[in-house]
């Protein structure tokens, strides 16, 4: 697995905002591209915001 992570140390994004924004074009594109590579996308909201994409190295 290869892991790509982007993190900030701000106040974070409230969970209800993340759930509503999952329908934005940007999140949809990242999610679809990650799926096409048989990977996974995670959004972590602890001590800032972190987006993690993991894809296999096949």
PDB file of N, CA and C in Angstrom:
ATOM      1  N   UNK A   1       0.838  -1.190   0.000  1.00  0.00           N
ATOM      2  CA  UNK A   1       0.000   0.000   0.000  1.00  0.00           C
ATOM      3  C   UNK A   1       0.881   1.252   0.000  1.00  0.00           C
ATOM      4  N   UNK A   2       0.452   2.214  -0.747  1.00  0.00           N
ATOM      5  CA  UNK A   2       1.073   3.534  -0.755  1.00  0.00           C
ATOM      6  C   UNK A   2       0.086   4.503  -0.130  1.00  0.00           C
ATOM      7  N   UNK A   3       0.564   5.352   0.772  1.00  0.00           N
ATOM      8  CA  UNK A   3      -0.300   6.259   1.505  1.00  0.00           C
ATOM      9  C   UNK A   3       0.077   7.701   1.184  1.00  0.00           C
ATOM     10  N   UNK A   4      -0.939   8.504   0.836  1.00  0.00           N
ATOM     11  CA  UNK A   4      -0.768   9.931   0.594  1.00  0.00           C
ATOM     12  C   UNK A   4      -1.632  10.641   1.623  1.00  0.00           C
ATOM     13  N   UNK A   5      -1.032  11.567   2.373  1.00  0.00           N
ATOM     14  CA  UNK A   5      -1.753  12.242   3.435  1.00  0.00           C
ATOM     15  C   UNK A   5      -1.515  13.744   3.359  1.00  0.00           C
ATOM     16  N   UNK A   6      -2.597  14.503   3.510  1.00  0.00           N
ATOM     17  CA  UNK A   6      -2.515  15.962   3.580  1.00  0.00           C
ATOM     18  C   UNK A   6      -3.192  16.366   4.875  1.00  0.00           C
ATOM     19  N   UNK A   7      -2.491  17.160   5.705  1.00  0.00           N
ATOM     20  CA  UNK A   7      -2.998  17.522   7.034  1.00  0.00           C
ATOM     21  C   UNK A   7      -2.749  18.995   7.310  1.00  0.00           C
ATOM     22  N   UNK A   8      -3.686  19.591   8.055  1.00  0.00           N
ATOM     23  CA  UNK A   8      -3.440  20.920   8.602  1.00  0.00           C
ATOM     24  C   UNK A   8      -3.634  20.855  10.108  1.00  0.00           C
ATOM     25  N   UNK A   9      -3.242  21.910  10.800  1.00  0.00           N
ATOM     26  CA  UNK A   9      -3.349  21.900  12.259  1.00  0.00           C
ATOM     27  C   UNK A   9      -4.358  22.936  12.747  1.00  0.00           C
ATOM     28  N   UNK A  10      -5.352  23.233  11.928  1.00  0.00           N
ATOM     29  CA  UNK A  10      -6.389  24.197  12.297  1.00  0.00           C
ATOM     30  C   UNK A  10      -7.409  23.601  13.245  1.00  0.00           C
ATOM     31  N   UNK A  11      -8.561  24.236  13.323  1.00  0.00           N
ATOM     32  CA  UNK A  11      -9.599  23.795  14.261  1.00  0.00           C
ATOM     33  C   UNK A  11     -10.376  22.596  13.744  1.00  0.00           C
ATOM     34  N   UNK A  12     -10.151  22.216  12.501  1.00  0.00           N
ATOM     35  CA  UNK A  12     -10.844  21.066  11.929  1.00  0.00           C
ATOM     36  C   UNK A  12     -12.164  21.467  11.310  1.00  0.00           C
ATOM     37  N   UNK A  13     -12.749  20.542  10.601  1.00  0.00           N
ATOM     38  CA  UNK A  13     -14.032  20.754   9.953  1.00  0.00           C
ATOM     39  C   UNK A  13     -15.068  19.948  10.729  1.00  0.00           C
ATOM     40  N   UNK A  14     -16.173  20.569  11.145  1.00  0.00           N
ATOM     41  CA  UNK A  14     -17.199  19.806  11.871  1.00  0.00           C
ATOM     42  C   UNK A  14     -17.693  18.617  11.038  1.00  0.00           C
ATOM     43  N   UNK A  15     -18.002  17.510  11.706  1.00  0.00           N
ATOM     44  CA  UNK A  15     -18.440  16.292  11.017  1.00  0.00           C
ATOM     45  C   UNK A  15     -19.661  16.530  10.140  1.00  0.00           C
ATOM     46  N   UNK A  16     -20.602  17.361  10.596  1.00  0.00           N
ATOM     47  CA  UNK A  16     -21.804  17.583   9.791  1.00  0.00           C
ATOM     48  C   UNK A  16     -21.471  18.330   8.497  1.00  0.00           C
ATOM     49  N   UNK A  17     -20.446  19.160   8.489  1.00  0.00           N
ATOM     50  CA  UNK A  17     -20.024  19.855   7.272  1.00  0.00           C
ATOM     51  C   UNK A  17     -19.372  18.868   6.311  1.00  0.00           C
ATOM     52  N   UNK A  18     -18.546  17.967   6.826  1.00  0.00           N
ATOM     53  CA  UNK A  18     -17.889  16.968   5.974  1.00  0.00           C
ATOM     54  C   UNK A  18     -18.934  16.086   5.308  1.00  0.00           C
ATOM     55  N   UNK A  19     -19.952  15.675   6.053  1.00  0.00           N
ATOM     56  CA  UNK A  19     -20.971  14.807   5.478  1.00  0.00           C
ATOM     57  C   UNK A  19     -21.754  15.539   4.383  1.00  0.00           C
ATOM     58  N   UNK A  20     -22.051  16.827   4.570  1.00  0.00           N
ATOM     59  CA  UNK A  20     -22.765  17.587   3.553  1.00  0.00           C
ATOM     60  C   UNK A  20     -21.876  17.839   2.345  1.00  0.00           C
ATOM     61  N   UNK A  21     -20.584  18.077   2.561  1.00  0.00           N
ATOM     62  CA  UNK A  21     -19.702  18.425   1.446  1.00  0.00           C
ATOM     63  C   UNK A  21     -19.235  17.206   0.663  1.00  0.00           C
ATOM     64  N   UNK A  22     -19.563  16.006   1.110  1.00  0.00           N
ATOM     65  CA  UNK A  22     -19.167  14.802   0.373  1.00  0.00           C
ATOM     66  C   UNK A  22     -19.801  14.758  -1.012  1.00  0.00           C
ATOM     67  N   UNK A  23     -20.812  15.574  -1.231  1.00  0.00           N
ATOM     68  CA  UNK A  23     -21.453  15.613  -2.536  1.00  0.00           C
ATOM     69  C   UNK A  23     -20.830  16.652  -3.461  1.00  0.00           C
ATOM     70  N   UNK A  24     -19.759  17.326  -3.030  1.00  0.00           N
ATOM     71  CA  UNK A  24     -19.116  18.310  -3.889  1.00  0.00           C
ATOM     72  C   UNK A  24     -18.346  17.593  -4.994  1.00  0.00           C
ATOM     73  N   UNK A  25     -18.170  18.269  -6.095  1.00  0.00           N
ATOM     74  CA  UNK A  25     -17.478  17.681  -7.235  1.00  0.00           C
ATOM     75  C   UNK A  25     -16.058  17.255  -6.872  1.00  0.00           C
ATOM     76  N   UNK A  26     -15.358  18.081  -6.126  1.00  0.00           N
ATOM     77  CA  UNK A  26     -13.968  17.763  -5.757  1.00  0.00           C
ATOM     78  C   UNK A  26     -13.881  16.453  -4.980  1.00  0.00           C
ATOM     79  N   UNK A  27     -14.690  16.327  -3.931  1.00  0.00           N
ATOM     80  CA  UNK A  27     -14.660  15.104  -3.127  1.00  0.00           C
ATOM     81  C   UNK A  27     -15.089  13.907  -3.963  1.00  0.00           C
ATOM     82  N   UNK A  28     -16.101  14.086  -4.814  1.00  0.00           N
ATOM     83  CA  UNK A  28     -16.552  12.990  -5.679  1.00  0.00           C
ATOM     84  C   UNK A  28     -15.433  12.535  -6.610  1.00  0.00           C
ATOM     85  N   UNK A  29     -14.708  13.482  -7.213  1.00  0.00           N
ATOM     86  CA  UNK A  29     -13.619  13.128  -8.133  1.00  0.00           C
ATOM     87  C   UNK A  29     -12.501  12.390  -7.412  1.00  0.00           C
ATOM     88  N   UNK A  30     -12.100  12.895  -6.254  1.00  0.00           N
ATOM     89  CA  UNK A  30     -11.041  12.228  -5.488  1.00  0.00           C
ATOM     90  C   UNK A  30     -11.483  10.825  -5.098  1.00  0.00           C
ATOM     91  N   UNK A  31     -12.715  10.695  -4.639  1.00  0.00           N
ATOM     92  CA  UNK A  31     -13.236   9.388  -4.240  1.00  0.00           C
ATOM     93  C   UNK A  31     -13.280   8.426  -5.434  1.00  0.00           C
ATOM     94  N   UNK A  32     -13.782   8.882  -6.584  1.00  0.00           N
ATOM     95  CA  UNK A  32     -13.870   8.018  -7.772  1.00  0.00           C
ATOM     96  C   UNK A  32     -12.489   7.596  -8.275  1.00  0.00           C
ATOM     97  N   UNK A  33     -11.557   8.533  -8.317  1.00  0.00           N
ATOM     98  CA  UNK A  33     -10.195   8.190  -8.763  1.00  0.00           C
ATOM     99  C   UNK A  33      -9.539   7.201  -7.810  1.00  0.00           C
ATOM    100  N   UNK A  34      -9.770   7.393  -6.514  1.00  0.00           N
ATOM    101  CA  UNK A  34      -9.211   6.466  -5.522  1.00  0.00           C
ATOM    102  C   UNK A  34      -9.812   5.074  -5.696  1.00  0.00           C
ATOM    103  N   UNK A  35     -11.120   5.010  -5.918  1.00  0.00           N
ATOM    104  CA  UNK A  35     -11.779   3.716  -6.153  1.00  0.00           C
ATOM    105  C   UNK A  35     -11.243   3.037  -7.399  1.00  0.00           C
ATOM    106  N   UNK A  36     -11.001   3.804  -8.468  1.00  0.00           N
ATOM    107  CA  UNK A  36     -10.484   3.220  -9.713  1.00  0.00           C
ATOM    108  C   UNK A  36      -9.117   2.590  -9.507  1.00  0.00           C
ATOM    109  N   UNK A  37      -8.371   3.076  -8.512  1.00  0.00           N
ATOM    110  CA  UNK A  37      -7.056   2.515  -8.204  1.00  0.00           C
ATOM    111  C   UNK A  37      -7.151   1.464  -7.100  1.00  0.00           C
ATOM    112  N   UNK A  38      -8.410   1.017  -6.809  1.00  0.00           N
ATOM    113  CA  UNK A  38      -8.658   0.037  -5.743  1.00  0.00           C
ATOM    114  C   UNK A  38      -8.144   0.508  -4.395  1.00  0.00           C
ATOM    115  N   UNK A  39      -8.259   1.802  -4.154  1.00  0.00           N
ATOM    116  CA  UNK A  39      -7.785   2.384  -2.909  1.00  0.00           C
ATOM    117  C   UNK A  39      -8.909   2.818  -1.996  1.00  0.00           C
ATOM    118  N   UNK A  40      -8.529   3.554  -0.957  1.00  0.00           N
ATOM    119  CA  UNK A  40      -9.513   4.053   0.002  1.00  0.00           C
ATOM    120  C   UNK A  40      -9.206   5.505   0.345  1.00  0.00           C
ATOM    121  N   UNK A  41     -10.249   6.244   0.698  1.00  0.00           N
ATOM    122  CA  UNK A  41     -10.148   7.645   1.089  1.00  0.00           C
ATOM    123  C   UNK A  41     -10.720   7.786   2.486  1.00  0.00           C
ATOM    124  N   UNK A  42      -9.968   8.433   3.379  1.00  0.00           N
ATOM    125  CA  UNK A  42     -10.405   8.681   4.746  1.00  0.00           C
ATOM    126  C   UNK A  42     -10.243  10.160   5.050  1.00  0.00           C
ATOM    127  N   UNK A  43     -11.179  10.727   5.793  1.00  0.00           N
ATOM    128  CA  UNK A  43     -11.047  12.090   6.286  1.00  0.00           C
ATOM    129  C   UNK A  43     -11.062  12.020   7.797  1.00  0.00           C
ATOM    130  N   UNK A  44      -9.969  12.485   8.419  1.00  0.00           N
ATOM    131  CA  UNK A  44      -9.799  12.448   9.867  1.00  0.00           C
ATOM    132  C   UNK A  44      -9.906  13.878  10.383  1.00  0.00           C
ATOM    133  N   UNK A  45     -10.701  14.086  11.397  1.00  0.00           N
ATOM    134  CA  UNK A  45     -10.960  15.424  11.921  1.00  0.00           C
ATOM    135  C   UNK A  45     -10.423  15.627  13.324  1.00  0.00           C
ATOM    136  N   UNK A  46      -9.342  14.967  13.688  1.00  0.00           N
ATOM    137  CA  UNK A  46      -8.769  15.080  15.019  1.00  0.00           C
ATOM    138  C   UNK A  46      -7.556  16.000  14.973  1.00  0.00           C
ATOM    139  N   UNK A  47      -7.565  17.053  15.779  1.00  0.00           N
ATOM    140  CA  UNK A  47      -6.458  18.019  15.809  1.00  0.00           C
ATOM    141  C   UNK A  47      -6.179  18.599  14.423  1.00  0.00           C
ATOM    142  N   UNK A  48      -7.180  19.150  13.796  1.00  0.00           N
ATOM    143  CA  UNK A  48      -7.068  19.669  12.439  1.00  0.00           C
ATOM    144  C   UNK A  48      -7.808  18.745  11.492  1.00  0.00           C
ATOM    145  N   UNK A  49      -7.499  18.827  10.226  1.00  0.00           N
ATOM    146  CA  UNK A  49      -8.135  17.973   9.231  1.00  0.00           C
ATOM    147  C   UNK A  49      -7.056  17.233   8.458  1.00  0.00           C
ATOM    148  N   UNK A  50      -7.280  15.950   8.219  1.00  0.00           N
ATOM    149  CA  UNK A  50      -6.351  15.122   7.455  1.00  0.00           C
ATOM    150  C   UNK A  50      -7.142  14.317   6.437  1.00  0.00           C
ATOM    151  N   UNK A  51      -6.698  14.333   5.199  1.00  0.00           N
ATOM    152  CA  UNK A  51      -7.257  13.493   4.142  1.00  0.00           C
ATOM    153  C   UNK A  51      -6.200  12.461   3.792  1.00  0.00           C
ATOM    154  N   UNK A  52      -6.584  11.200   3.833  1.00  0.00           N
ATOM    155  CA  UNK A  52      -5.648  10.112   3.592  1.00  0.00           C
ATOM    156  C   UNK A  52      -6.163   9.257   2.431  1.00  0.00           C
ATOM    157  N   UNK A  53      -5.305   9.057   1.445  1.00  0.00           N
ATOM    158  CA  UNK A  53      -5.614   8.160   0.323  1.00  0.00           C
ATOM    159  C   UNK A  53      -4.606   7.017   0.394  1.00  0.00           C
ATOM    160  N   UNK A  54      -5.116   5.785   0.353  1.00  0.00           N
ATOM    161  CA  UNK A  54      -4.245   4.591   0.333  1.00  0.00           C
ATOM    162  C   UNK A  54      -4.561   3.784  -0.915  1.00  0.00           C
ATOM    163  N   UNK A  55      -3.535   3.423  -1.660  1.00  0.00           N
ATOM    164  CA  UNK A  55      -3.707   2.629  -2.880  1.00  0.00           C
ATOM    165  C   UNK A  55      -2.681   1.495  -2.873  1.00  0.00           C
ATOM    166  N   UNK A  56      -3.061   0.336  -3.444  1.00  0.00           N
ATOM    167  CA  UNK A  56      -2.123  -0.774  -3.537  1.00  0.00           C
ATOM    168  C   UNK A  56      -1.022  -0.480  -4.555  1.00  0.00           C
ATOM    169  N   UNK A  57       0.108  -1.131  -4.392  1.00  0.00           N
ATOM    170  CA  UNK A  57       1.255  -0.924  -5.298  1.00  0.00           C
ATOM    171  C   UNK A  57       1.345  -1.971  -6.391  1.00  0.00           C
ATOM    172  N   UNK A  58       0.250  -2.521  -6.824  1.00  0.00           N
ATOM    173  CA  UNK A  58       0.269  -3.573  -7.858  1.00  0.00           C
ATOM    174  C   UNK A  58       0.741  -3.034  -9.182  1.00  0.00           C
TER     175      UNK A  58
END
